[in-house]
Amino acid sequence: MPDTRVRSVSAAVSFGVYADLAYNLYSATNSSPQTTELFAGERSRTLWKYVVVGHLQAVALGLFGSILDRTLWPLFGTLTIGTVMHCMYSHALKIGRTVKPPTENAMPANGGPRGGVFARKR
C-alpha cells in the first residue's frame, strides 16, 4: 500500500488534470461567459444548450477518468469546474437578459480600436 504522501500527490494530479480537461471541454463547446452576457437577450436558449452539452461531456469525462484511475478524484475535478462554469454562465445569462446587445457601431467603453490612441486621423 503506497504511503499517504504518494496518494496525496496522485489525488492532486488526478484532480488537477481532469479539472483542466473540463476547462478545455467548455472552451471547445461554448462561447465565453462574456459573450454569453453580451448576447443573452437574443440567443440565451442556444447559449445555455451548449452549457448543458459541456456539463454532460465533463461528467462523462470525469466518470471515465475515475474508472481508469480507480478513484473519484477525476470526477471531483470535472464536477468542480462544472459547478464553477454553471455559476459563471448562469450569472452571465441573468445579467445579459437585462441589457441590449452591442451594435457594430458601438464605441468601446475603453476607447479601444475605434477611439483613443488607435483612432485614425482623417
PDB file of N, CA and C in Angstrom:
ATOM      1  N   MET A   1       0.853  -1.183   0.000  1.00  0.00           N
ATOM      2  CA  MET A   1       0.000   0.000   0.000  1.00  0.00           C
ATOM      3  C   MET A   1       0.896   1.243   0.000  1.00  0.00           C
ATOM      4  N   PRO A   2       0.657   2.178  -0.962  1.00  0.00           N
ATOM      5  CA  PRO A   2       1.510   3.361  -1.023  1.00  0.00           C
ATOM      6  C   PRO A   2       1.312   4.254   0.204  1.00  0.00           C
ATOM      7  N   ASP A   3       2.367   4.963   0.544  1.00  0.00           N
ATOM      8  CA  ASP A   3       2.237   5.838   1.707  1.00  0.00           C
ATOM      9  C   ASP A   3       1.293   7.003   1.395  1.00  0.00           C
ATOM     10  N   THR A   4       0.876   7.712   2.431  1.00  0.00           N
ATOM     11  CA  THR A   4      -0.123   8.768   2.265  1.00  0.00           C
ATOM     12  C   THR A   4       0.382   9.920   1.406  1.00  0.00           C
ATOM     13  N   ARG A   5       1.663  10.161   1.417  1.00  0.00           N
ATOM     14  CA  ARG A   5       2.215  11.248   0.613  1.00  0.00           C
ATOM     15  C   ARG A   5       2.061  10.968  -0.893  1.00  0.00           C
ATOM     16  N   VAL A   6       2.343   9.753  -1.293  1.00  0.00           N
ATOM     17  CA  VAL A   6       2.190   9.368  -2.693  1.00  0.00           C
ATOM     18  C   VAL A   6       0.716   9.429  -3.097  1.00  0.00           C
ATOM     19  N   ARG A   7      -0.158   8.954  -2.232  1.00  0.00           N
ATOM     20  CA  ARG A   7      -1.596   9.017  -2.529  1.00  0.00           C
ATOM     21  C   ARG A   7      -2.073  10.450  -2.643  1.00  0.00           C
ATOM     22  N   SER A   8      -1.573  11.336  -1.796  1.00  0.00           N
ATOM     23  CA  SER A   8      -1.967  12.752  -1.852  1.00  0.00           C
ATOM     24  C   SER A   8      -1.519  13.396  -3.149  1.00  0.00           C
ATOM     25  N   VAL A   9      -0.296  13.129  -3.553  1.00  0.00           N
ATOM     26  CA  VAL A   9       0.210  13.681  -4.816  1.00  0.00           C
ATOM     27  C   VAL A   9      -0.594  13.126  -5.981  1.00  0.00           C
ATOM     28  N   SER A  10      -0.865  11.848  -5.963  1.00  0.00           N
ATOM     29  CA  SER A  10      -1.648  11.222  -7.026  1.00  0.00           C
ATOM     30  C   SER A  10      -3.051  11.824  -7.097  1.00  0.00           C
ATOM     31  N   ALA A  11      -3.672  12.058  -5.953  1.00  0.00           N
ATOM     32  CA  ALA A  11      -5.003  12.668  -5.917  1.00  0.00           C
ATOM     33  C   ALA A  11      -4.967  14.081  -6.480  1.00  0.00           C
ATOM     34  N   ALA A  12      -3.956  14.842  -6.087  1.00  0.00           N
ATOM     35  CA  ALA A  12      -3.844  16.219  -6.576  1.00  0.00           C
ATOM     36  C   ALA A  12      -3.641  16.249  -8.084  1.00  0.00           C
ATOM     37  N   VAL A  13      -2.817  15.365  -8.592  1.00  0.00           N
ATOM     38  CA  VAL A  13      -2.574  15.311 -10.037  1.00  0.00           C
ATOM     39  C   VAL A  13      -3.844  14.897 -10.772  1.00  0.00           C
ATOM     40  N   SER A  14      -4.518  13.873 -10.302  1.00  0.00           N
ATOM     41  CA  SER A  14      -5.762  13.428 -10.948  1.00  0.00           C
ATOM     42  C   SER A  14      -6.808  14.531 -10.945  1.00  0.00           C
ATOM     43  N   PHE A  15      -6.978  15.177  -9.807  1.00  0.00           N
ATOM     44  CA  PHE A  15      -7.949  16.268  -9.703  1.00  0.00           C
ATOM     45  C   PHE A  15      -7.585  17.388 -10.680  1.00  0.00           C
ATOM     46  N   GLY A  16      -6.322  17.819 -10.649  1.00  0.00           N
ATOM     47  CA  GLY A  16      -5.886  18.940 -11.475  1.00  0.00           C
ATOM     48  C   GLY A  16      -5.948  18.664 -12.966  1.00  0.00           C
ATOM     49  N   VAL A  17      -5.526  17.485 -13.364  1.00  0.00           N
ATOM     50  CA  VAL A  17      -5.551  17.136 -14.793  1.00  0.00           C
ATOM     51  C   VAL A  17      -6.983  17.105 -15.307  1.00  0.00           C
ATOM     52  N   TYR A  18      -7.877  16.498 -14.564  1.00  0.00           N
ATOM     53  CA  TYR A  18      -9.262  16.410 -15.027  1.00  0.00           C
ATOM     54  C   TYR A  18      -9.999  17.746 -14.905  1.00  0.00           C
ATOM     55  N   ALA A  19      -9.619  18.577 -13.954  1.00  0.00           N
ATOM     56  CA  ALA A  19     -10.179  19.929 -13.903  1.00  0.00           C
ATOM     57  C   ALA A  19      -9.755  20.704 -15.146  1.00  0.00           C
ATOM     58  N   ASP A  20      -8.491  20.594 -15.515  1.00  0.00           N
ATOM     59  CA  ASP A  20      -8.000  21.265 -16.720  1.00  0.00           C
ATOM     60  C   ASP A  20      -8.694  20.729 -17.972  1.00  0.00           C
ATOM     61  N   LEU A  21      -8.880  19.427 -18.047  1.00  0.00           N
ATOM     62  CA  LEU A  21      -9.586  18.847 -19.189  1.00  0.00           C
ATOM     63  C   LEU A  21     -11.025  19.371 -19.268  1.00  0.00           C
ATOM     64  N   ALA A  22     -11.666  19.550 -18.122  1.00  0.00           N
ATOM     65  CA  ALA A  22     -13.028  20.089 -18.118  1.00  0.00           C
ATOM     66  C   ALA A  22     -13.036  21.521 -18.647  1.00  0.00           C
ATOM     67  N   TYR A  23     -12.066  22.346 -18.218  1.00  0.00           N
ATOM     68  CA  TYR A  23     -11.976  23.706 -18.767  1.00  0.00           C
ATOM     69  C   TYR A  23     -11.822  23.656 -20.284  1.00  0.00           C
ATOM     70  N   ASN A  24     -11.011  22.746 -20.774  1.00  0.00           N
ATOM     71  CA  ASN A  24     -10.821  22.621 -22.221  1.00  0.00           C
ATOM     72  C   ASN A  24     -12.104  22.210 -22.931  1.00  0.00           C
ATOM     73  N   LEU A  25     -12.878  21.336 -22.304  1.00  0.00           N
ATOM     74  CA  LEU A  25     -14.167  20.951 -22.892  1.00  0.00           C
ATOM     75  C   LEU A  25     -15.088  22.156 -23.035  1.00  0.00           C
ATOM     76  N   TYR A  26     -15.200  22.941 -21.973  1.00  0.00           N
ATOM     77  CA  TYR A  26     -16.082  24.108 -22.024  1.00  0.00           C
ATOM     78  C   TYR A  26     -15.602  25.119 -23.058  1.00  0.00           C
ATOM     79  N   SER A  27     -14.293  25.303 -23.154  1.00  0.00           N
ATOM     80  CA  SER A  27     -13.804  26.281 -24.124  1.00  0.00           C
ATOM     81  C   SER A  27     -14.005  25.788 -25.554  1.00  0.00           C
ATOM     82  N   ALA A  28     -14.046  24.480 -25.757  1.00  0.00           N
ATOM     83  CA  ALA A  28     -14.252  23.937 -27.099  1.00  0.00           C
ATOM     84  C   ALA A  28     -15.710  24.005 -27.539  1.00  0.00           C
ATOM     85  N   THR A  29     -16.639  23.948 -26.600  1.00  0.00           N
ATOM     86  CA  THR A  29     -18.055  23.880 -26.980  1.00  0.00           C
ATOM     87  C   THR A  29     -18.834  25.166 -26.731  1.00  0.00           C
ATOM     88  N   ASN A  30     -18.296  26.081 -25.943  1.00  0.00           N
ATOM     89  CA  ASN A  30     -19.080  27.245 -25.525  1.00  0.00           C
ATOM     90  C   ASN A  30     -18.417  28.558 -25.912  1.00  0.00           C
ATOM     91  N   SER A  31     -19.258  29.561 -26.103  1.00  0.00           N
ATOM     92  CA  SER A  31     -18.767  30.928 -26.159  1.00  0.00           C
ATOM     93  C   SER A  31     -18.346  31.300 -24.742  1.00  0.00           C
ATOM     94  N   SER A  32     -17.579  32.338 -24.601  1.00  0.00           N
ATOM     95  CA  SER A  32     -17.148  32.751 -23.270  1.00  0.00           C
ATOM     96  C   SER A  32     -18.334  33.275 -22.464  1.00  0.00           C
ATOM     97  N   PRO A  33     -18.225  33.291 -21.142  1.00  0.00           N
ATOM     98  CA  PRO A  33     -19.281  33.908 -20.337  1.00  0.00           C
ATOM     99  C   PRO A  33     -19.501  35.382 -20.728  1.00  0.00           C
ATOM    100  N   GLN A  34     -18.439  36.071 -21.110  1.00  0.00           N
ATOM    101  CA  GLN A  34     -18.580  37.471 -21.538  1.00  0.00           C
ATOM    102  C   GLN A  34     -19.459  37.552 -22.788  1.00  0.00           C
ATOM    103  N   THR A  35     -19.215  36.704 -23.764  1.00  0.00           N
ATOM    104  CA  THR A  35     -20.027  36.688 -24.980  1.00  0.00           C
ATOM    105  C   THR A  35     -21.456  36.300 -24.648  1.00  0.00           C
ATOM    106  N   THR A  36     -21.622  35.343 -23.752  1.00  0.00           N
ATOM    107  CA  THR A  36     -22.959  34.939 -23.319  1.00  0.00           C
ATOM    108  C   THR A  36     -23.692  36.124 -22.715  1.00  0.00           C
ATOM    109  N   GLU A  37     -23.004  36.892 -21.884  1.00  0.00           N
ATOM    110  CA  GLU A  37     -23.633  38.067 -21.280  1.00  0.00           C
ATOM    111  C   GLU A  37     -24.014  39.096 -22.345  1.00  0.00           C
ATOM    112  N   LEU A  38     -23.149  39.310 -23.314  1.00  0.00           N
ATOM    113  CA  LEU A  38     -23.411  40.311 -24.350  1.00  0.00           C
ATOM    114  C   LEU A  38     -24.602  39.956 -25.228  1.00  0.00           C
ATOM    115  N   PHE A  39     -24.814  38.673 -25.499  1.00  0.00           N
ATOM    116  CA  PHE A  39     -25.850  38.273 -26.450  1.00  0.00           C
ATOM    117  C   PHE A  39     -26.952  37.408 -25.843  1.00  0.00           C
ATOM    118  N   ALA A  40     -27.093  37.406 -24.538  1.00  0.00           N
ATOM    119  CA  ALA A  40     -28.088  36.564 -23.867  1.00  0.00           C
ATOM    120  C   ALA A  40     -29.509  36.914 -24.270  1.00  0.00           C
ATOM    121  N   GLY A  41     -29.775  38.176 -24.519  1.00  0.00           N
ATOM    122  CA  GLY A  41     -31.131  38.587 -24.851  1.00  0.00           C
ATOM    123  C   GLY A  41     -31.662  37.918 -26.100  1.00  0.00           C
ATOM    124  N   GLU A  42     -30.810  37.777 -27.116  1.00  0.00           N
ATOM    125  CA  GLU A  42     -31.286  37.202 -28.371  1.00  0.00           C
ATOM    126  C   GLU A  42     -31.020  35.715 -28.504  1.00  0.00           C
ATOM    127  N   ARG A  43     -30.049  35.197 -27.782  1.00  0.00           N
ATOM    128  CA  ARG A  43     -29.626  33.813 -28.014  1.00  0.00           C
ATOM    129  C   ARG A  43     -29.501  32.989 -26.738  1.00  0.00           C
ATOM    130  N   SER A  44     -30.196  33.331 -25.688  1.00  0.00           N
ATOM    131  CA  SER A  44     -29.997  32.653 -24.405  1.00  0.00           C
ATOM    132  C   SER A  44     -30.276  31.157 -24.473  1.00  0.00           C
ATOM    133  N   ARG A  45     -31.278  30.767 -25.215  1.00  0.00           N
ATOM    134  CA  ARG A  45     -31.618  29.337 -25.295  1.00  0.00           C
ATOM    135  C   ARG A  45     -30.486  28.536 -25.940  1.00  0.00           C
ATOM    136  N   THR A  46     -29.952  29.044 -27.034  1.00  0.00           N
ATOM    137  CA  THR A  46     -28.846  28.362 -27.720  1.00  0.00           C
ATOM    138  C   THR A  46     -27.589  28.372 -26.867  1.00  0.00           C
ATOM    139  N   LEU A  47     -27.284  29.515 -26.254  1.00  0.00           N
ATOM    140  CA  LEU A  47     -26.086  29.605 -25.417  1.00  0.00           C
ATOM    141  C   LEU A  47     -26.165  28.613 -24.260  1.00  0.00           C
ATOM    142  N   TRP A  48     -27.329  28.520 -23.624  1.00  0.00           N
ATOM    143  CA  TRP A  48     -27.474  27.601 -22.490  1.00  0.00           C
ATOM    144  C   TRP A  48     -27.419  26.144 -22.939  1.00  0.00           C
ATOM    145  N   LYS A  49     -27.924  25.851 -24.134  1.00  0.00           N
ATOM    146  CA  LYS A  49     -27.872  24.481 -24.653  1.00  0.00           C
ATOM    147  C   LYS A  49     -26.428  23.974 -24.656  1.00  0.00           C
ATOM    148  N   TYR A  50     -25.495  24.822 -25.060  1.00  0.00           N
ATOM    149  CA  TYR A  50     -24.106  24.392 -25.117  1.00  0.00           C
ATOM    150  C   TYR A  50     -23.445  24.329 -23.743  1.00  0.00           C
ATOM    151  N   VAL A  51     -23.965  25.057 -22.780  1.00  0.00           N
ATOM    152  CA  VAL A  51     -23.504  24.895 -21.400  1.00  0.00           C
ATOM    153  C   VAL A  51     -23.889  23.495 -20.920  1.00  0.00           C
ATOM    154  N   VAL A  52     -25.101  23.076 -21.208  1.00  0.00           N
ATOM    155  CA  VAL A  52     -25.559  21.740 -20.822  1.00  0.00           C
ATOM    156  C   VAL A  52     -24.734  20.666 -21.542  1.00  0.00           C
ATOM    157  N   VAL A  53     -24.436  20.884 -22.817  1.00  0.00           N
ATOM    158  CA  VAL A  53     -23.579  19.942 -23.551  1.00  0.00           C
ATOM    159  C   VAL A  53     -22.213  19.849 -22.866  1.00  0.00           C
ATOM    160  N   GLY A  54     -21.662  20.981 -22.466  1.00  0.00           N
ATOM    161  CA  GLY A  54     -20.391  20.980 -21.738  1.00  0.00           C
ATOM    162  C   GLY A  54     -20.486  20.216 -20.429  1.00  0.00           C
ATOM    163  N   HIS A  55     -21.589  20.410 -19.705  1.00  0.00           N
ATOM    164  CA  HIS A  55     -21.802  19.671 -18.451  1.00  0.00           C
ATOM    165  C   HIS A  55     -21.797  18.158 -18.692  1.00  0.00           C
ATOM    166  N   LEU A  56     -22.529  17.729 -19.696  1.00  0.00           N
ATOM    167  CA  LEU A  56     -22.616  16.293 -19.985  1.00  0.00           C
ATOM    168  C   LEU A  56     -21.251  15.718 -20.359  1.00  0.00           C
ATOM    169  N   GLN A  57     -20.522  16.445 -21.177  1.00  0.00           N
ATOM    170  CA  GLN A  57     -19.187  15.981 -21.556  1.00  0.00           C
ATOM    171  C   GLN A  57     -18.254  15.910 -20.350  1.00  0.00           C
ATOM    172  N   ALA A  58     -18.319  16.911 -19.482  1.00  0.00           N
ATOM    173  CA  ALA A  58     -17.443  16.949 -18.306  1.00  0.00           C
ATOM    174  C   ALA A  58     -17.748  15.795 -17.356  1.00  0.00           C
ATOM    175  N   VAL A  59     -19.019  15.522 -17.143  1.00  0.00           N
ATOM    176  CA  VAL A  59     -19.391  14.406 -16.265  1.00  0.00           C
ATOM    177  C   VAL A  59     -18.930  13.087 -16.870  1.00  0.00           C
ATOM    178  N   ALA A  60     -19.157  12.911 -18.169  1.00  0.00           N
ATOM    179  CA  ALA A  60     -18.731  11.672 -18.827  1.00  0.00           C
ATOM    180  C   ALA A  60     -17.220  11.501 -18.741  1.00  0.00           C
ATOM    181  N   LEU A  61     -16.486  12.575 -18.982  1.00  0.00           N
ATOM    182  CA  LEU A  61     -15.027  12.510 -18.901  1.00  0.00           C
ATOM    183  C   LEU A  61     -14.577  12.175 -17.480  1.00  0.00           C
ATOM    184  N   GLY A  62     -15.190  12.804 -16.492  1.00  0.00           N
ATOM    185  CA  GLY A  62     -14.845  12.534 -15.096  1.00  0.00           C
ATOM    186  C   GLY A  62     -15.138  11.106 -14.682  1.00  0.00           C
ATOM    187  N   LEU A  63     -16.276  10.591 -15.126  1.00  0.00           N
ATOM    188  CA  LEU A  63     -16.616   9.196 -14.812  1.00  0.00           C
ATOM    189  C   LEU A  63     -15.618   8.235 -15.455  1.00  0.00           C
ATOM    190  N   PHE A  64     -15.301   8.475 -16.715  1.00  0.00           N
ATOM    191  CA  PHE A  64     -14.351   7.620 -17.411  1.00  0.00           C
ATOM    192  C   PHE A  64     -12.979   7.677 -16.728  1.00  0.00           C
ATOM    193  N   GLY A  65     -12.547   8.886 -16.377  1.00  0.00           N
ATOM    194  CA  GLY A  65     -11.275   9.036 -15.675  1.00  0.00           C
ATOM    195  C   GLY A  65     -11.268   8.331 -14.330  1.00  0.00           C
ATOM    196  N   SER A  66     -12.372   8.407 -13.621  1.00  0.00           N
ATOM    197  CA  SER A  66     -12.463   7.737 -12.315  1.00  0.00           C
ATOM    198  C   SER A  66     -12.427   6.222 -12.446  1.00  0.00           C
ATOM    199  N   ILE A  67     -13.022   5.706 -13.518  1.00  0.00           N
ATOM    200  CA  ILE A  67     -12.958   4.258 -13.756  1.00  0.00           C
ATOM    201  C   ILE A  67     -11.510   3.850 -14.021  1.00  0.00           C
ATOM    202  N   LEU A  68     -10.836   4.615 -14.860  1.00  0.00           N
ATOM    203  CA  LEU A  68      -9.439   4.292 -15.167  1.00  0.00           C
ATOM    204  C   LEU A  68      -8.520   4.441 -13.954  1.00  0.00           C
ATOM    205  N   ASP A  69      -8.742   5.517 -13.186  1.00  0.00           N
ATOM    206  CA  ASP A  69      -7.880   5.835 -12.042  1.00  0.00           C
ATOM    207  C   ASP A  69      -8.236   5.021 -10.795  1.00  0.00           C
ATOM    208  N   ARG A  70      -9.439   4.498 -10.783  1.00  0.00           N
ATOM    209  CA  ARG A  70      -9.970   3.752  -9.630  1.00  0.00           C
ATOM    210  C   ARG A  70     -10.057   4.612  -8.367  1.00  0.00           C
ATOM    211  N   THR A  71     -10.254   5.913  -8.594  1.00  0.00           N
ATOM    212  CA  THR A  71     -10.529   6.861  -7.505  1.00  0.00           C
ATOM    213  C   THR A  71     -11.593   7.832  -8.002  1.00  0.00           C
ATOM    214  N   LEU A  72     -12.122   8.618  -7.110  1.00  0.00           N
ATOM    215  CA  LEU A  72     -13.117   9.615  -7.507  1.00  0.00           C
ATOM    216  C   LEU A  72     -12.496  10.976  -7.860  1.00  0.00           C
ATOM    217  N   TRP A  73     -11.187  11.131  -7.751  1.00  0.00           N
ATOM    218  CA  TRP A  73     -10.566  12.440  -7.971  1.00  0.00           C
ATOM    219  C   TRP A  73     -10.796  13.010  -9.369  1.00  0.00           C
ATOM    220  N   PRO A  74     -10.722  12.224 -10.434  1.00  0.00           N
ATOM    221  CA  PRO A  74     -11.033  12.799 -11.745  1.00  0.00           C
ATOM    222  C   PRO A  74     -12.459  13.350 -11.817  1.00  0.00           C
ATOM    223  N   LEU A  75     -13.405  12.609 -11.259  1.00  0.00           N
ATOM    224  CA  LEU A  75     -14.793  13.080 -11.250  1.00  0.00           C
ATOM    225  C   LEU A  75     -14.927  14.345 -10.407  1.00  0.00           C
ATOM    226  N   PHE A  76     -14.273  14.396  -9.263  1.00  0.00           N
ATOM    227  CA  PHE A  76     -14.315  15.608  -8.436  1.00  0.00           C
ATOM    228  C   PHE A  76     -13.748  16.806  -9.197  1.00  0.00           C
ATOM    229  N   GLY A  77     -12.687  16.593  -9.963  1.00  0.00           N
ATOM    230  CA  GLY A  77     -12.101  17.673 -10.746  1.00  0.00           C
ATOM    231  C   GLY A  77     -13.058  18.219 -11.784  1.00  0.00           C
ATOM    232  N   THR A  78     -13.706  17.325 -12.528  1.00  0.00           N
ATOM    233  CA  THR A  78     -14.628  17.800 -13.563  1.00  0.00           C
ATOM    234  C   THR A  78     -15.907  18.388 -12.955  1.00  0.00           C
ATOM    235  N   LEU A  79     -16.385  17.812 -11.862  1.00  0.00           N
ATOM    236  CA  LEU A  79     -17.590  18.371 -11.222  1.00  0.00           C
ATOM    237  C   LEU A  79     -17.323  19.740 -10.612  1.00  0.00           C
ATOM    238  N   THR A  80     -16.141  19.944 -10.072  1.00  0.00           N
ATOM    239  CA  THR A  80     -15.794  21.257  -9.515  1.00  0.00           C
ATOM    240  C   THR A  80     -15.819  22.324 -10.598  1.00  0.00           C
ATOM    241  N   ILE A  81     -15.185  22.035 -11.716  1.00  0.00           N
ATOM    242  CA  ILE A  81     -15.162  23.003 -12.816  1.00  0.00           C
ATOM    243  C   ILE A  81     -16.554  23.160 -13.408  1.00  0.00           C
ATOM    244  N   GLY A  82     -17.302  22.081 -13.512  1.00  0.00           N
ATOM    245  CA  GLY A  82     -18.683  22.184 -13.993  1.00  0.00           C
ATOM    246  C   GLY A  82     -19.524  23.098 -13.120  1.00  0.00           C
ATOM    247  N   THR A  83     -19.324  23.030 -11.821  1.00  0.00           N
ATOM    248  CA  THR A  83     -20.056  23.905 -10.895  1.00  0.00           C
ATOM    249  C   THR A  83     -19.643  25.364 -11.078  1.00  0.00           C
ATOM    250  N   VAL A  84     -18.355  25.600 -11.193  1.00  0.00           N
ATOM    251  CA  VAL A  84     -17.860  26.970 -11.421  1.00  0.00           C
ATOM    252  C   VAL A  84     -18.411  27.519 -12.740  1.00  0.00           C
ATOM    253  N   MET A  85     -18.339  26.731 -13.795  1.00  0.00           N
ATOM    254  CA  MET A  85     -18.821  27.189 -15.099  1.00  0.00           C
ATOM    255  C   MET A  85     -20.334  27.404 -15.089  1.00  0.00           C
ATOM    256  N   HIS A  86     -21.059  26.527 -14.403  1.00  0.00           N
ATOM    257  CA  HIS A  86     -22.512  26.689 -14.301  1.00  0.00           C
ATOM    258  C   HIS A  86     -22.848  28.039 -13.654  1.00  0.00           C
ATOM    259  N   CYS A  87     -22.161  28.362 -12.574  1.00  0.00           N
ATOM    260  CA  CYS A  87     -22.403  29.636 -11.885  1.00  0.00           C
ATOM    261  C   CYS A  87     -22.039  30.823 -12.775  1.00  0.00           C
ATOM    262  N   MET A  88     -20.916  30.730 -13.467  1.00  0.00           N
ATOM    263  CA  MET A  88     -20.499  31.835 -14.338  1.00  0.00           C
ATOM    264  C   MET A  88     -21.489  32.058 -15.478  1.00  0.00           C
ATOM    265  N   TYR A  89     -21.908  30.991 -16.146  1.00  0.00           N
ATOM    266  CA  TYR A  89     -22.843  31.128 -17.262  1.00  0.00           C
ATOM    267  C   TYR A  89     -24.241  31.528 -16.782  1.00  0.00           C
ATOM    268  N   SER A  90     -24.669  31.034 -15.638  1.00  0.00           N
ATOM    269  CA  SER A  90     -25.970  31.453 -15.084  1.00  0.00           C
ATOM    270  C   SER A  90     -25.973  32.944 -14.805  1.00  0.00           C
ATOM    271  N   HIS A  91     -24.898  33.430 -14.215  1.00  0.00           N
ATOM    272  CA  HIS A  91     -24.778  34.859 -13.934  1.00  0.00           C
ATOM    273  C   HIS A  91     -24.758  35.658 -15.236  1.00  0.00           C
ATOM    274  N   ALA A  92     -24.002  35.189 -16.220  1.00  0.00           N
ATOM    275  CA  ALA A  92     -23.917  35.889 -17.497  1.00  0.00           C
ATOM    276  C   ALA A  92     -25.285  35.988 -18.163  1.00  0.00           C
ATOM    277  N   LEU A  93     -26.052  34.908 -18.144  1.00  0.00           N
ATOM    278  CA  LEU A  93     -27.395  34.939 -18.738  1.00  0.00           C
ATOM    279  C   LEU A  93     -28.318  35.881 -17.984  1.00  0.00           C
ATOM    280  N   LYS A  94     -28.253  35.836 -16.676  1.00  0.00           N
ATOM    281  CA  LYS A  94     -29.114  36.693 -15.853  1.00  0.00           C
ATOM    282  C   LYS A  94     -28.854  38.169 -16.147  1.00  0.00           C
ATOM    283  N   ILE A  95     -27.582  38.550 -16.165  1.00  0.00           N
ATOM    284  CA  ILE A  95     -27.234  39.948 -16.432  1.00  0.00           C
ATOM    285  C   ILE A  95     -27.512  40.300 -17.883  1.00  0.00           C
ATOM    286  N   GLY A  96     -27.160  39.395 -18.794  1.00  0.00           N
ATOM    287  CA  GLY A  96     -27.309  39.656 -20.216  1.00  0.00           C
ATOM    288  C   GLY A  96     -28.741  39.849 -20.668  1.00  0.00           C
ATOM    289  N   ARG A  97     -29.682  39.258 -19.980  1.00  0.00           N
ATOM    290  CA  ARG A  97     -31.092  39.428 -20.350  1.00  0.00           C
ATOM    291  C   ARG A  97     -31.606  40.826 -20.035  1.00  0.00           C
ATOM    292  N   THR A  98     -30.873  41.570 -19.228  1.00  0.00           N
ATOM    293  CA  THR A  98     -31.335  42.899 -18.819  1.00  0.00           C
ATOM    294  C   THR A  98     -30.706  44.034 -19.624  1.00  0.00           C
ATOM    295  N   VAL A  99     -29.757  43.720 -20.514  1.00  0.00           N
ATOM    296  CA  VAL A  99     -29.091  44.772 -21.294  1.00  0.00           C
ATOM    297  C   VAL A  99     -29.228  44.488 -22.779  1.00  0.00           C
ATOM    298  N   LYS A 100     -29.126  45.546 -23.567  1.00  0.00           N
ATOM    299  CA  LYS A 100     -29.179  45.397 -25.015  1.00  0.00           C
ATOM    300  C   LYS A 100     -27.850  44.860 -25.515  1.00  0.00           C
ATOM    301  N   PRO A 101     -27.884  44.038 -26.582  1.00  0.00           N
ATOM    302  CA  PRO A 101     -26.620  43.575 -27.149  1.00  0.00           C
ATOM    303  C   PRO A 101     -25.878  44.740 -27.798  1.00  0.00           C
ATOM    304  N   PRO A 102     -24.577  44.653 -27.894  1.00  0.00           N
ATOM    305  CA  PRO A 102     -23.822  45.734 -28.523  1.00  0.00           C
ATOM    306  C   PRO A 102     -24.120  45.787 -30.022  1.00  0.00           C
ATOM    307  N   THR A 103     -23.964  46.960 -30.573  1.00  0.00           N
ATOM    308  CA  THR A 103     -24.121  47.094 -32.025  1.00  0.00           C
ATOM    309  C   THR A 103     -22.740  47.186 -32.651  1.00  0.00           C
ATOM    310  N   GLU A 104     -22.699  46.977 -33.941  1.00  0.00           N
ATOM    311  CA  GLU A 104     -21.421  47.003 -34.646  1.00  0.00           C
ATOM    312  C   GLU A 104     -20.766  48.376 -34.579  1.00  0.00           C
ATOM    313  N   ASN A 105     -21.570  49.420 -34.475  1.00  0.00           N
ATOM    314  CA  ASN A 105     -21.037  50.774 -34.464  1.00  0.00           C
ATOM    315  C   ASN A 105     -20.819  51.331 -33.066  1.00  0.00           C
ATOM    316  N   ALA A 106     -21.066  50.512 -32.051  1.00  0.00           N
ATOM    317  CA  ALA A 106     -20.923  50.996 -30.674  1.00  0.00           C
ATOM    318  C   ALA A 106     -19.464  51.306 -30.367  1.00  0.00           C
ATOM    319  N   MET A 107     -19.240  52.429 -29.698  1.00  0.00           N
ATOM    320  CA  MET A 107     -17.888  52.832 -29.310  1.00  0.00           C
ATOM    321  C   MET A 107     -17.502  52.056 -28.064  1.00  0.00           C
ATOM    322  N   PRO A 108     -16.364  51.335 -28.089  1.00  0.00           N
ATOM    323  CA  PRO A 108     -15.941  50.622 -26.891  1.00  0.00           C
ATOM    324  C   PRO A 108     -15.754  51.573 -25.716  1.00  0.00           C
ATOM    325  N   ALA A 109     -16.132  51.112 -24.529  1.00  0.00           N
ATOM    326  CA  ALA A 109     -16.047  51.946 -23.330  1.00  0.00           C
ATOM    327  C   ALA A 109     -14.617  52.376 -23.023  1.00  0.00           C
ATOM    328  N   ASN A 110     -13.639  51.574 -23.397  1.00  0.00           N
ATOM    329  CA  ASN A 110     -12.250  51.898 -23.078  1.00  0.00           C
ATOM    330  C   ASN A 110     -11.561  52.681 -24.190  1.00  0.00           C
ATOM    331  N   GLY A 111     -12.300  53.108 -25.186  1.00  0.00           N
ATOM    332  CA  GLY A 111     -11.703  53.854 -26.279  1.00  0.00           C
ATOM    333  C   GLY A 111     -10.898  52.975 -27.208  1.00  0.00           C
ATOM    334  N   GLY A 112     -11.085  51.670 -27.178  1.00  0.00           N
ATOM    335  CA  GLY A 112     -10.347  50.677 -27.955  1.00  0.00           C
ATOM    336  C   GLY A 112     -10.061  51.070 -29.393  1.00  0.00           C
ATOM    337  N   PRO A 113     -10.118  50.149 -30.320  1.00  0.00           N
ATOM    338  CA  PRO A 113      -9.715  50.405 -31.688  1.00  0.00           C
ATOM    339  C   PRO A 113     -10.480  51.507 -32.406  1.00  0.00           C
ATOM    340  N   ARG A 114     -11.684  51.833 -31.979  1.00  0.00           N
ATOM    341  CA  ARG A 114     -12.445  52.871 -32.677  1.00  0.00           C
ATOM    342  C   ARG A 114     -12.242  54.260 -32.072  1.00  0.00           C
ATOM    343  N   GLY A 115     -11.415  54.362 -31.095  1.00  0.00           N
ATOM    344  CA  GLY A 115     -11.196  55.663 -30.477  1.00  0.00           C
ATOM    345  C   GLY A 115      -9.895  55.680 -29.717  1.00  0.00           C
ATOM    346  N   GLY A 116      -9.616  56.749 -29.032  1.00  0.00           N
ATOM    347  CA  GLY A 116      -8.406  56.834 -28.227  1.00  0.00           C
ATOM    348  C   GLY A 116      -7.145  56.837 -29.086  1.00  0.00           C
ATOM    349  N   VAL A 117      -6.091  56.236 -28.605  1.00  0.00           N
ATOM    350  CA  VAL A 117      -4.805  56.258 -29.297  1.00  0.00           C
ATOM    351  C   VAL A 117      -4.836  55.502 -30.611  1.00  0.00           C
ATOM    352  N   PHE A 118      -5.782  54.618 -30.814  1.00  0.00           N
ATOM    353  CA  PHE A 118      -5.827  53.827 -32.030  1.00  0.00           C
ATOM    354  C   PHE A 118      -6.686  54.453 -33.133  1.00  0.00           C
ATOM    355  N   ALA A 119      -7.305  55.569 -32.836  1.00  0.00           N
ATOM    356  CA  ALA A 119      -8.164  56.210 -33.823  1.00  0.00           C
ATOM    357  C   ALA A 119      -7.327  56.747 -34.985  1.00  0.00           C
ATOM    358  N   ARG A 120      -7.843  56.562 -36.205  1.00  0.00           N
ATOM    359  CA  ARG A 120      -7.153  57.090 -37.384  1.00  0.00           C
ATOM    360  C   ARG A 120      -7.442  58.570 -37.508  1.00  0.00           C
ATOM    361  N   LYS A 121      -6.437  59.283 -37.911  1.00  0.00           N
ATOM    362  CA  LYS A 121      -6.640  60.704 -38.168  1.00  0.00           C
ATOM    363  C   LYS A 121      -7.193  60.838 -39.573  1.00  0.00           C
ATOM    364  N   ARG A 122      -8.133  61.705 -39.724  1.00  0.00           N
ATOM    365  CA  ARG A 122      -8.757  61.914 -41.051  1.00  0.00           C
ATOM    366  C   ARG A 122      -8.316  63.212 -41.619  1.00  0.00           C
TER     367      ARG A 122
END
